[in-house]
């Protein structure tokens, strides 16, 4: 058997370290950083190359309309919230949403959690000032602590290692839940039936009853429900901290190619997608399915160059564009991008992020979003693709399984005055459990009409 020569791929990965990298922490102790990076290099992979290949196939199916992607989870995970109950409730929420969307789309739903690695966040400013005191901005638990003290806000490289362990524990539990019977479709359907028994949700009862009939029909036909006791579930996060992503990038022994084993799906955000920067160079070298966020400011020519850089082979499932336009902008800003990309022959997957383009500060001083704006952007996303004859491939949602009060509206009618009751996010506001399910039923109705 011949030995795979990995010299070139490793040299290319190392060369990218010399490129400009936006949104990186100013680590105060270089020796401590080097120790943390070397420690990460010795640790086992969190995910495997074969799993990433499977997800790439699933994303390719979504690009053709043969599947629908649901990405959901925290804006920014915290170490304190990496508990069994919180992880369970997030997974449960995604499973419930997926069951409803599967009915609406009549295709498999690819379940991807914003979890097991979403411990870092880009910031608009490198510092934060409160009452005349200026400290480093909070960049996520993998960098520093949210508490506003000089000691807490000092970037600490040991947190990279702690982030690995928190991600490992999260993935272990997620795999146990999704492979051990917790994801049984019959249980998930019963959870959703409980949701629609609430009088405020009665308008969704028709969909729930239709799903119930389908379940009874399958049972009467002798369907193999044992095969429905488990489900695929993939982990995704923004590939922001290159001091974390690079040491967890490994060469696949089968193919000699690089995979970022920190997560199955890695995306590059609006603030770091510089064509000549280190982040785009990094994702262009790994074989994971890759996402790139696009706002209403995205230039079509730049997007085409991005495809050339990250997906030169035009491989279905390789590249996903996650659009974050805003409810009032999506119908005008999205069509030119979709048209140019489609005309280029690229086979990308289009996913709607209806959260980040609809954020504002409430009158009570909280960063929030209106549920109606989230729904309106999703509706605009579907309208654009329907008008162009292209495929709306999925949703990317910041959500939690807890009953927080961070986004306005929904059937609970959360008001500005209600935000203070349970505003728990350390970064951006998330849909709570009830709002997430309401979103799923509304989107299922949109899909079913199509």
Protein backbone atom coordinates (compact mmCIF):
# COMPACT_ATOMS: atom_id res chain seq x y z
CA UNK A 1 0.00 0.00 0.00
CA UNK A 2 1.43 3.41 -1.00
CA UNK A 3 1.83 6.13 1.60
CA UNK A 4 -0.18 9.33 1.08
CA UNK A 5 2.06 12.39 0.79
CA UNK A 6 0.49 15.14 2.93
CA UNK A 7 3.35 17.64 2.61
CA UNK A 8 1.56 20.03 0.27
CA UNK A 9 -1.73 20.23 2.16
CA UNK A 10 0.03 20.83 5.47
CA UNK A 11 2.31 23.44 3.91
CA UNK A 12 -0.72 25.25 2.50
CA UNK A 13 -2.44 25.26 5.87
CA UNK A 14 0.68 26.69 7.52
CA UNK A 15 1.02 29.37 4.85
CA UNK A 16 -2.43 30.68 5.65
CA UNK A 17 -1.26 31.60 9.15
CA UNK A 18 0.61 34.56 7.64
CA UNK A 19 -2.53 36.12 6.14
CA UNK A 20 -4.46 38.91 7.89
CA UNK A 21 -7.09 37.47 10.24
CA UNK A 22 -9.92 39.72 11.43
CA UNK A 23 -11.69 39.45 14.78
CA UNK A 24 -8.91 37.56 16.58
CA UNK A 25 -8.27 38.09 20.31
CA UNK A 26 -5.22 39.99 21.50
CA UNK A 27 -3.75 37.16 23.55
CA UNK A 28 -1.59 38.72 26.29
CA UNK A 29 0.59 35.64 26.88
CA UNK A 30 2.08 34.14 23.72
CA UNK A 31 3.70 31.24 25.58
CA UNK A 32 0.32 30.30 27.10
CA UNK A 33 -1.27 30.43 23.66
CA UNK A 34 1.41 28.16 22.21
CA UNK A 35 0.83 25.64 25.01
CA UNK A 36 -2.93 25.66 24.44
CA UNK A 37 -2.53 25.19 20.69
CA UNK A 38 -0.09 22.31 21.17
CA UNK A 39 -2.49 20.69 23.62
CA UNK A 40 -5.32 20.89 21.10
CA UNK A 41 -3.11 19.28 18.46
CA UNK A 42 -2.73 16.20 20.67
CA UNK A 43 -6.46 15.77 21.32
CA UNK A 44 -8.73 13.38 19.38
CA UNK A 45 -10.97 14.81 16.64
CA UNK A 46 -14.42 15.92 17.72
CA UNK A 47 -15.99 14.80 14.45
CA UNK A 48 -14.83 12.47 11.70
CA UNK A 49 -14.10 13.00 8.03
CA UNK A 50 -16.70 10.43 6.99
CA UNK A 51 -19.41 12.29 8.92
CA UNK A 52 -18.47 15.53 7.13
CA UNK A 53 -18.71 13.71 3.81
CA UNK A 54 -22.21 12.51 4.68
CA UNK A 55 -23.30 16.04 5.55
CA UNK A 56 -21.88 17.30 2.26
CA UNK A 57 -24.13 14.79 0.48
CA UNK A 58 -27.11 15.96 2.53
CA UNK A 59 -26.38 19.61 1.70
CA UNK A 60 -26.15 18.68 -1.98
CA UNK A 61 -29.61 17.12 -1.74
CA UNK A 62 -30.91 20.35 -0.21
CA UNK A 63 -29.46 22.36 -3.10
CA UNK A 64 -31.59 20.26 -5.47
CA UNK A 65 -34.75 20.49 -3.37
CA UNK A 66 -34.47 16.87 -2.26
CA UNK A 67 -33.92 17.83 1.39
CA UNK A 68 -34.37 20.86 3.64
CA UNK A 69 -31.78 22.09 6.14
CA UNK A 70 -32.58 23.25 9.66
CA UNK A 71 -29.66 24.86 11.48
CA UNK A 72 -30.48 26.01 15.00
CA UNK A 73 -28.99 26.76 18.37
CA UNK A 74 -27.51 29.41 20.60
CA UNK A 75 -26.12 32.69 19.37
CA UNK A 76 -23.15 32.02 21.63
CA UNK A 77 -22.82 28.94 23.79
CA UNK A 78 -21.52 29.40 27.31
CA UNK A 79 -19.65 26.98 29.50
CA UNK A 80 -22.16 27.47 32.31
CA UNK A 81 -25.07 26.53 30.03
CA UNK A 82 -23.44 23.31 28.75
CA UNK A 83 -25.64 21.24 31.05
CA UNK A 84 -27.52 18.05 30.26
CA UNK A 85 -30.90 19.76 30.56
CA UNK A 86 -30.00 22.70 28.31
CA UNK A 87 -28.47 20.47 25.66
CA UNK A 88 -31.46 18.14 25.80
CA UNK A 89 -33.94 20.98 25.43
CA UNK A 90 -32.11 22.48 22.44
CA UNK A 91 -31.96 19.11 20.72
CA UNK A 92 -35.63 18.50 21.53
CA UNK A 93 -36.63 21.85 20.03
CA UNK A 94 -34.73 21.16 16.81
CA UNK A 95 -36.23 17.67 16.56
CA UNK A 96 -39.75 19.05 17.06
CA UNK A 97 -39.21 21.72 14.42
CA UNK A 98 -37.71 19.16 12.01
CA UNK A 99 -40.72 16.85 12.34
CA UNK A 100 -43.09 19.65 11.37
CA UNK A 101 -40.87 20.86 8.52
CA UNK A 102 -40.52 17.32 7.17
CA UNK A 103 -44.28 17.19 6.80
CA UNK A 104 -44.40 20.62 5.17
CA UNK A 105 -41.55 20.05 2.73
CA UNK A 106 -42.25 16.34 2.07
CA UNK A 107 -38.49 15.79 2.01
CA UNK A 108 -35.97 14.79 4.70
CA UNK A 109 -34.86 17.57 7.04
CA UNK A 110 -31.12 17.81 7.65
CA UNK A 111 -30.69 18.64 11.34
CA UNK A 112 -27.67 20.81 12.17
CA UNK A 113 -27.08 22.27 15.63
CA UNK A 114 -25.36 25.59 16.29
CA UNK A 115 -23.65 23.80 19.14
CA UNK A 116 -20.53 22.01 20.35
CA UNK A 117 -18.23 24.82 19.25
CA UNK A 118 -20.19 28.08 19.07
CA UNK A 119 -18.17 29.62 21.90
CA UNK A 120 -16.76 32.66 20.10
CA UNK A 121 -18.39 35.74 18.59
CA UNK A 122 -17.18 38.61 16.37
CA UNK A 123 -17.72 42.07 17.83
CA UNK A 124 -18.26 45.48 16.26
CA UNK A 125 -15.78 47.00 18.71
CA UNK A 126 -12.73 45.52 20.42
CA UNK A 127 -13.61 47.32 23.65
CA UNK A 128 -16.68 47.98 25.80
CA UNK A 129 -17.22 51.02 28.01
CA UNK A 130 -19.51 51.14 31.03
CA UNK A 131 -19.77 54.17 33.33
CA UNK A 132 -16.45 55.50 32.12
CA UNK A 133 -14.61 52.16 32.45
CA UNK A 134 -13.26 50.63 29.21
CA UNK A 135 -12.38 46.93 29.01
CA UNK A 136 -11.86 44.37 26.22
CA UNK A 137 -15.11 43.31 24.59
CA UNK A 138 -16.60 39.95 25.48
CA UNK A 139 -15.71 37.64 22.58
CA UNK A 140 -17.29 34.44 23.84
CA UNK A 141 -16.44 31.97 26.57
CA UNK A 142 -13.63 30.48 24.50
CA UNK A 143 -11.80 33.82 24.82
CA UNK A 144 -12.88 35.62 27.99
CA UNK A 145 -15.72 35.94 30.49
CA UNK A 146 -18.88 38.04 30.24
CA UNK A 147 -18.41 39.54 33.73
CA UNK A 148 -17.30 43.16 33.40
CA UNK A 149 -14.04 43.10 35.35
CA UNK A 150 -10.42 43.49 34.16
CA UNK A 151 -9.61 39.93 35.21
CA UNK A 152 -12.66 38.39 33.50
CA UNK A 153 -12.26 40.28 30.25
CA UNK A 154 -8.58 39.40 29.79
CA UNK A 155 -8.30 36.88 26.91
CA UNK A 156 -7.16 33.53 28.30
CA UNK A 157 -5.77 30.85 25.90
CA UNK A 158 -6.60 28.09 28.39
CA UNK A 159 -10.23 28.74 27.49
CA UNK A 160 -9.53 27.25 24.04
CA UNK A 161 -8.82 23.92 25.74
CA UNK A 162 -11.84 24.31 27.98
CA UNK A 163 -13.93 24.97 24.88
CA UNK A 164 -12.75 21.71 23.38
CA UNK A 165 -13.83 19.77 26.47
CA UNK A 166 -17.23 21.51 26.59
CA UNK A 167 -17.73 20.73 22.89
CA UNK A 168 -16.72 17.11 23.41
CA UNK A 169 -19.17 16.69 26.29
CA UNK A 170 -21.94 18.32 24.26
CA UNK A 171 -21.34 16.07 21.25
CA UNK A 172 -21.29 12.98 23.43
CA UNK A 173 -24.70 13.83 24.84
CA UNK A 174 -26.14 14.84 21.47
CA UNK A 175 -25.06 11.51 19.99
CA UNK A 176 -26.62 9.67 22.92
CA UNK A 177 -29.91 11.53 22.52
CA UNK A 178 -30.15 11.11 18.75
CA UNK A 179 -29.04 7.47 18.66
CA UNK A 180 -30.54 6.17 21.91
CA UNK A 181 -34.28 6.54 21.32
CA UNK A 182 -34.83 10.14 22.48
CA UNK A 183 -35.30 11.17 18.83
CA UNK A 184 -38.01 8.56 18.20
CA UNK A 185 -40.44 10.19 15.75
CA UNK A 186 -43.42 8.98 17.79
CA UNK A 187 -42.19 10.82 20.88
CA UNK A 188 -41.40 13.96 18.90
CA UNK A 189 -44.89 13.97 17.43
CA UNK A 190 -46.43 13.63 20.90
CA UNK A 191 -44.40 16.64 22.06
CA UNK A 192 -45.81 18.66 19.16
CA UNK A 193 -49.34 17.53 19.89
CA UNK A 194 -48.85 19.01 23.34
CA UNK A 195 -47.85 22.30 21.72
CA UNK A 196 -51.04 22.63 19.67
CA UNK A 197 -53.35 21.79 22.59
CA UNK A 198 -52.64 25.29 23.85
CA UNK A 199 -55.60 27.44 22.78
CA UNK A 200 -53.25 30.09 21.39
CA UNK A 201 -51.84 27.52 18.96
CA UNK A 202 -55.14 26.09 17.76
CA UNK A 203 -54.56 27.46 14.25
CA UNK A 204 -51.77 24.88 13.84
CA UNK A 205 -54.02 21.98 14.80
CA UNK A 206 -54.73 21.09 11.16
CA UNK A 207 -51.07 20.38 10.43
CA UNK A 208 -50.73 18.40 13.66
CA UNK A 209 -53.81 16.31 12.81
CA UNK A 210 -52.49 15.68 9.28
CA UNK A 211 -49.19 14.46 10.72
CA UNK A 212 -51.12 12.28 13.17
CA UNK A 213 -53.02 10.68 10.29
CA UNK A 214 -49.75 10.05 8.44
CA UNK A 215 -48.27 8.38 11.53
CA UNK A 216 -51.33 6.13 11.89
CA UNK A 217 -51.20 5.30 8.21
CA UNK A 218 -47.56 4.25 8.48
CA UNK A 219 -48.35 2.11 11.52
CA UNK A 220 -51.25 0.44 9.70
CA UNK A 221 -48.94 -0.35 6.78
CA UNK A 222 -46.43 -1.98 9.10
CA UNK A 223 -43.81 0.75 8.84
CA UNK A 224 -40.53 -0.02 10.54
CA UNK A 225 -40.70 2.45 13.43
CA UNK A 226 -37.47 1.04 14.82
CA UNK A 227 -35.73 2.79 11.94
CA UNK A 228 -37.29 6.04 13.15
CA UNK A 229 -35.90 5.78 16.68
CA UNK A 230 -32.62 7.42 15.65
CA UNK A 231 -31.67 10.36 13.47
CA UNK A 232 -28.66 12.09 11.97
CA UNK A 233 -27.59 15.24 13.79
CA UNK A 234 -24.64 17.39 12.78
CA UNK A 235 -22.67 20.06 14.66
CA UNK A 236 -21.88 23.49 13.23
CA UNK A 237 -20.23 26.69 14.38
CA UNK A 238 -18.63 29.83 13.02
CA UNK A 239 -14.97 29.12 12.27
CA UNK A 240 -13.85 32.32 13.94
CA UNK A 241 -10.94 31.51 16.25
CA UNK A 242 -8.22 30.21 13.98
CA UNK A 243 -6.07 29.34 17.00
CA UNK A 244 -8.77 26.75 17.75
CA UNK A 245 -9.71 25.60 14.24
CA UNK A 246 -6.18 25.07 12.88
CA UNK A 247 -4.85 22.67 15.55
CA UNK A 248 -8.05 20.61 15.22
CA UNK A 249 -7.59 20.33 11.45
CA UNK A 250 -6.38 16.85 10.56
CA UNK A 251 -5.32 14.90 7.47
CA UNK A 252 -7.75 12.13 6.56
CA UNK A 253 -5.81 8.87 6.38
CA UNK A 254 -8.01 7.62 3.51
CA UNK A 255 -7.61 10.53 1.13
CA UNK A 256 -4.79 12.72 2.42
CA UNK A 257 -7.16 15.70 2.53
CA UNK A 258 -7.69 18.19 5.34
CA UNK A 259 -10.79 18.25 7.54
CA UNK A 260 -11.59 20.65 10.35
CA UNK A 261 -12.54 18.10 12.99
CA UNK A 262 -13.87 20.77 15.35
CA UNK A 263 -17.29 20.51 13.65
CA UNK A 264 -19.10 19.03 10.68
CA UNK A 265 -20.16 22.35 9.13
CA UNK A 266 -18.06 25.52 9.45
CA UNK A 267 -19.21 28.94 8.35
CA UNK A 268 -17.50 32.28 7.80
CA UNK A 269 -19.29 35.38 9.02
CA UNK A 270 -19.98 38.76 7.48
CA UNK A 271 -17.05 40.39 9.31
CA UNK A 272 -14.41 37.82 8.33
CA UNK A 273 -15.18 36.86 4.72
CA UNK A 274 -12.35 38.93 3.21
CA UNK A 275 -11.31 37.17 0.00
CA UNK A 276 -7.65 37.75 0.79
CA UNK A 277 -7.96 37.02 4.50
CA UNK A 278 -7.04 34.05 6.63
CA UNK A 279 -10.60 32.78 7.21
CA UNK A 280 -11.53 32.30 3.56
CA UNK A 281 -8.10 30.81 2.90
CA UNK A 282 -8.64 28.35 5.75
CA UNK A 283 -12.08 27.12 4.68
CA UNK A 284 -10.89 26.82 1.08
CA UNK A 285 -8.36 24.20 2.23
CA UNK A 286 -10.59 21.93 4.33
CA UNK A 287 -13.07 19.40 2.95
CA UNK A 288 -15.93 20.17 5.34
CA UNK A 289 -19.13 21.57 3.88
CA UNK A 290 -18.70 25.34 4.22
CA UNK A 291 -21.12 28.19 4.80
CA UNK A 292 -20.60 31.89 4.08
CA UNK A 293 -22.88 34.59 5.46
CA UNK A 294 -24.12 37.20 2.96
CA UNK A 295 -25.85 40.43 3.94
CA UNK A 296 -27.70 42.91 1.75
CA UNK A 297 -24.33 44.63 1.18
CA UNK A 298 -22.80 41.62 -0.57
CA UNK A 299 -21.51 42.42 -4.07
CA UNK A 300 -22.41 39.81 -6.73
CA UNK A 301 -18.94 39.99 -8.29
CA UNK A 302 -17.34 39.34 -4.91
CA UNK A 303 -19.69 36.40 -4.38
CA UNK A 304 -18.62 34.85 -7.69
CA UNK A 305 -14.96 35.24 -6.73
CA UNK A 306 -15.80 33.62 -3.39
CA UNK A 307 -17.16 30.59 -5.23
CA UNK A 308 -13.99 30.37 -7.31
CA UNK A 309 -11.91 30.43 -4.15
CA UNK A 310 -13.88 28.05 -1.92
CA UNK A 311 -15.61 25.82 -4.47
CA UNK A 312 -13.49 25.81 -7.64
CA UNK A 313 -14.73 22.34 -8.63
CA UNK A 314 -18.40 23.43 -8.35
CA UNK A 315 -19.14 20.46 -6.10
CA UNK A 316 -22.77 20.18 -4.93
CA UNK A 317 -22.99 20.35 -1.14
CA UNK A 318 -19.59 21.99 -0.76
CA UNK A 319 -20.72 25.61 -0.43
CA UNK A 320 -23.74 27.12 1.28
CA UNK A 321 -24.69 30.79 1.21
CA UNK A 322 -26.49 31.83 4.38
CA UNK A 323 -28.34 35.04 3.57
CA UNK A 324 -29.09 37.59 6.30
CA UNK A 325 -30.81 40.46 4.56
CA UNK A 326 -33.50 41.90 6.82
CA UNK A 327 -37.27 41.66 6.41
CA UNK A 328 -37.54 44.95 4.52
CA UNK A 329 -34.59 44.29 2.23
CA UNK A 330 -34.60 40.60 1.27
CA UNK A 331 -36.91 40.92 -1.73
CA UNK A 332 -34.67 43.55 -3.33
CA UNK A 333 -31.19 42.43 -2.24
CA UNK A 334 -31.44 38.65 -2.69
CA UNK A 335 -32.53 38.29 -6.36
CA UNK A 336 -29.38 39.79 -7.96
CA UNK A 337 -27.17 37.43 -5.93
CA UNK A 338 -29.22 34.33 -6.71
CA UNK A 339 -29.43 35.23 -10.39
CA UNK A 340 -25.69 35.79 -10.80
CA UNK A 341 -24.74 32.65 -8.88
CA UNK A 342 -27.25 30.53 -10.81
CA UNK A 343 -26.04 31.91 -14.14
CA UNK A 344 -22.46 31.03 -13.18
CA UNK A 345 -23.36 27.34 -12.99
CA UNK A 346 -22.40 26.99 -9.33
CA UNK A 347 -24.52 24.51 -7.36
CA UNK A 348 -24.71 26.17 -3.96
CA UNK A 349 -27.24 25.64 -1.18
CA UNK A 350 -29.23 28.72 -0.21
CA UNK A 351 -30.20 29.05 3.46
CA UNK A 352 -32.10 31.89 5.11
CA UNK A 353 -30.86 33.44 8.35
CA UNK A 354 -33.83 35.65 9.31
CA UNK A 355 -32.30 36.65 12.63
CA UNK A 356 -29.23 38.83 12.11
CA UNK A 357 -30.74 41.33 9.68
CA UNK A 358 -33.61 42.13 12.03
CA UNK A 359 -31.85 43.09 15.26
CA UNK A 360 -32.49 46.41 17.00
CA UNK A 361 -32.39 47.94 20.47
CA UNK A 362 -35.68 48.09 22.33
CA UNK A 363 -36.90 51.16 24.18
CA UNK A 364 -35.88 49.41 27.41
CA UNK A 365 -32.31 48.98 26.17
CA UNK A 366 -32.32 45.30 25.19
CA UNK A 367 -31.00 43.95 21.90
CA UNK A 368 -34.02 42.20 20.42
CA UNK A 369 -35.88 41.03 17.30
CA UNK A 370 -39.54 40.97 16.33
CA UNK A 371 -40.97 37.54 15.62
CA UNK A 372 -43.05 39.02 12.80
CA UNK A 373 -39.88 40.36 11.13
CA UNK A 374 -38.28 36.92 11.32
CA UNK A 375 -41.32 35.37 9.64
CA UNK A 376 -41.45 38.12 7.02
CA UNK A 377 -37.83 37.58 6.00
CA UNK A 378 -38.43 33.83 5.66
CA UNK A 379 -41.51 34.55 3.55
CA UNK A 380 -39.49 36.94 1.37
CA UNK A 381 -36.74 34.34 0.99
CA UNK A 382 -39.26 31.78 -0.29
CA UNK A 383 -40.93 34.34 -2.55
CA UNK A 384 -37.62 35.25 -4.21
CA UNK A 385 -36.68 31.65 -4.90
CA UNK A 386 -40.16 30.81 -6.16
CA UNK A 387 -40.04 33.78 -8.51
CA UNK A 388 -36.63 32.79 -9.88
CA UNK A 389 -37.34 29.08 -10.06
CA UNK A 390 -34.49 28.31 -7.67
CA UNK A 391 -34.38 26.21 -4.51
CA UNK A 392 -34.81 27.57 -0.95
CA UNK A 393 -32.60 25.10 0.85
CA UNK A 394 -33.17 25.74 4.55
CA UNK A 395 -33.24 27.92 7.66
CA UNK A 396 -30.56 29.11 10.08
CA UNK A 397 -32.11 30.13 13.41
CA UNK A 398 -30.77 31.35 16.75
CA UNK A 399 -32.92 29.55 19.28
CA UNK A 400 -33.00 27.98 22.71
CA UNK A 401 -35.08 25.25 24.27
CA UNK A 402 -35.75 27.46 27.27
CA UNK A 403 -38.65 29.85 27.91
CA UNK A 404 -36.59 33.03 27.66
CA UNK A 405 -37.97 36.46 26.81
CA UNK A 406 -35.52 37.84 24.25
CA UNK A 407 -37.52 38.29 21.03
CA UNK A 408 -40.73 40.29 20.79
CA UNK A 409 -44.05 38.82 19.70
CA UNK A 410 -45.13 35.31 18.89
CA UNK A 411 -48.34 33.82 20.26
CA UNK A 412 -47.06 34.62 23.77
CA UNK A 413 -47.07 38.30 22.73
CA UNK A 414 -43.78 39.10 24.45
CA UNK A 415 -43.62 42.88 24.82
CA UNK A 416 -40.82 45.35 25.40
CA UNK A 417 -41.65 45.36 29.10
CA UNK A 418 -41.44 41.54 29.21
CA UNK A 419 -37.83 41.35 27.96
CA UNK A 420 -36.36 41.84 31.42
CA UNK A 421 -38.17 38.79 32.83
CA UNK A 422 -35.82 36.15 31.34
CA UNK A 423 -33.29 37.81 29.07
CA UNK A 424 -30.40 35.34 29.35
CA UNK A 425 -28.41 35.65 26.12
CA UNK A 426 -24.89 37.06 26.48
CA UNK A 427 -24.91 38.21 22.83
CA UNK A 428 -27.86 38.17 20.44
CA UNK A 429 -31.53 37.44 21.25
CA UNK A 430 -32.87 33.96 20.52
CA UNK A 431 -36.30 32.57 19.77
CA UNK A 432 -37.56 30.66 22.77
CA UNK A 433 -39.00 27.15 22.62
CA UNK A 434 -42.56 28.23 21.87
CA UNK A 435 -41.53 30.80 19.25
CA UNK A 436 -39.30 28.22 17.55
CA UNK A 437 -42.17 25.76 17.22
CA UNK A 438 -44.50 28.47 15.99
CA UNK A 439 -41.92 29.36 13.34
CA UNK A 440 -41.74 25.72 12.26
CA UNK A 441 -45.52 25.45 11.85
CA UNK A 442 -45.67 28.69 9.87
CA UNK A 443 -42.82 27.64 7.58
CA UNK A 444 -44.36 24.19 7.14
CA UNK A 445 -47.49 25.90 5.91
CA UNK A 446 -45.41 27.94 3.41
CA UNK A 447 -43.67 24.79 2.18
CA UNK A 448 -46.92 22.85 1.95
CA UNK A 449 -48.50 25.53 -0.23
CA UNK A 450 -45.58 25.37 -2.63
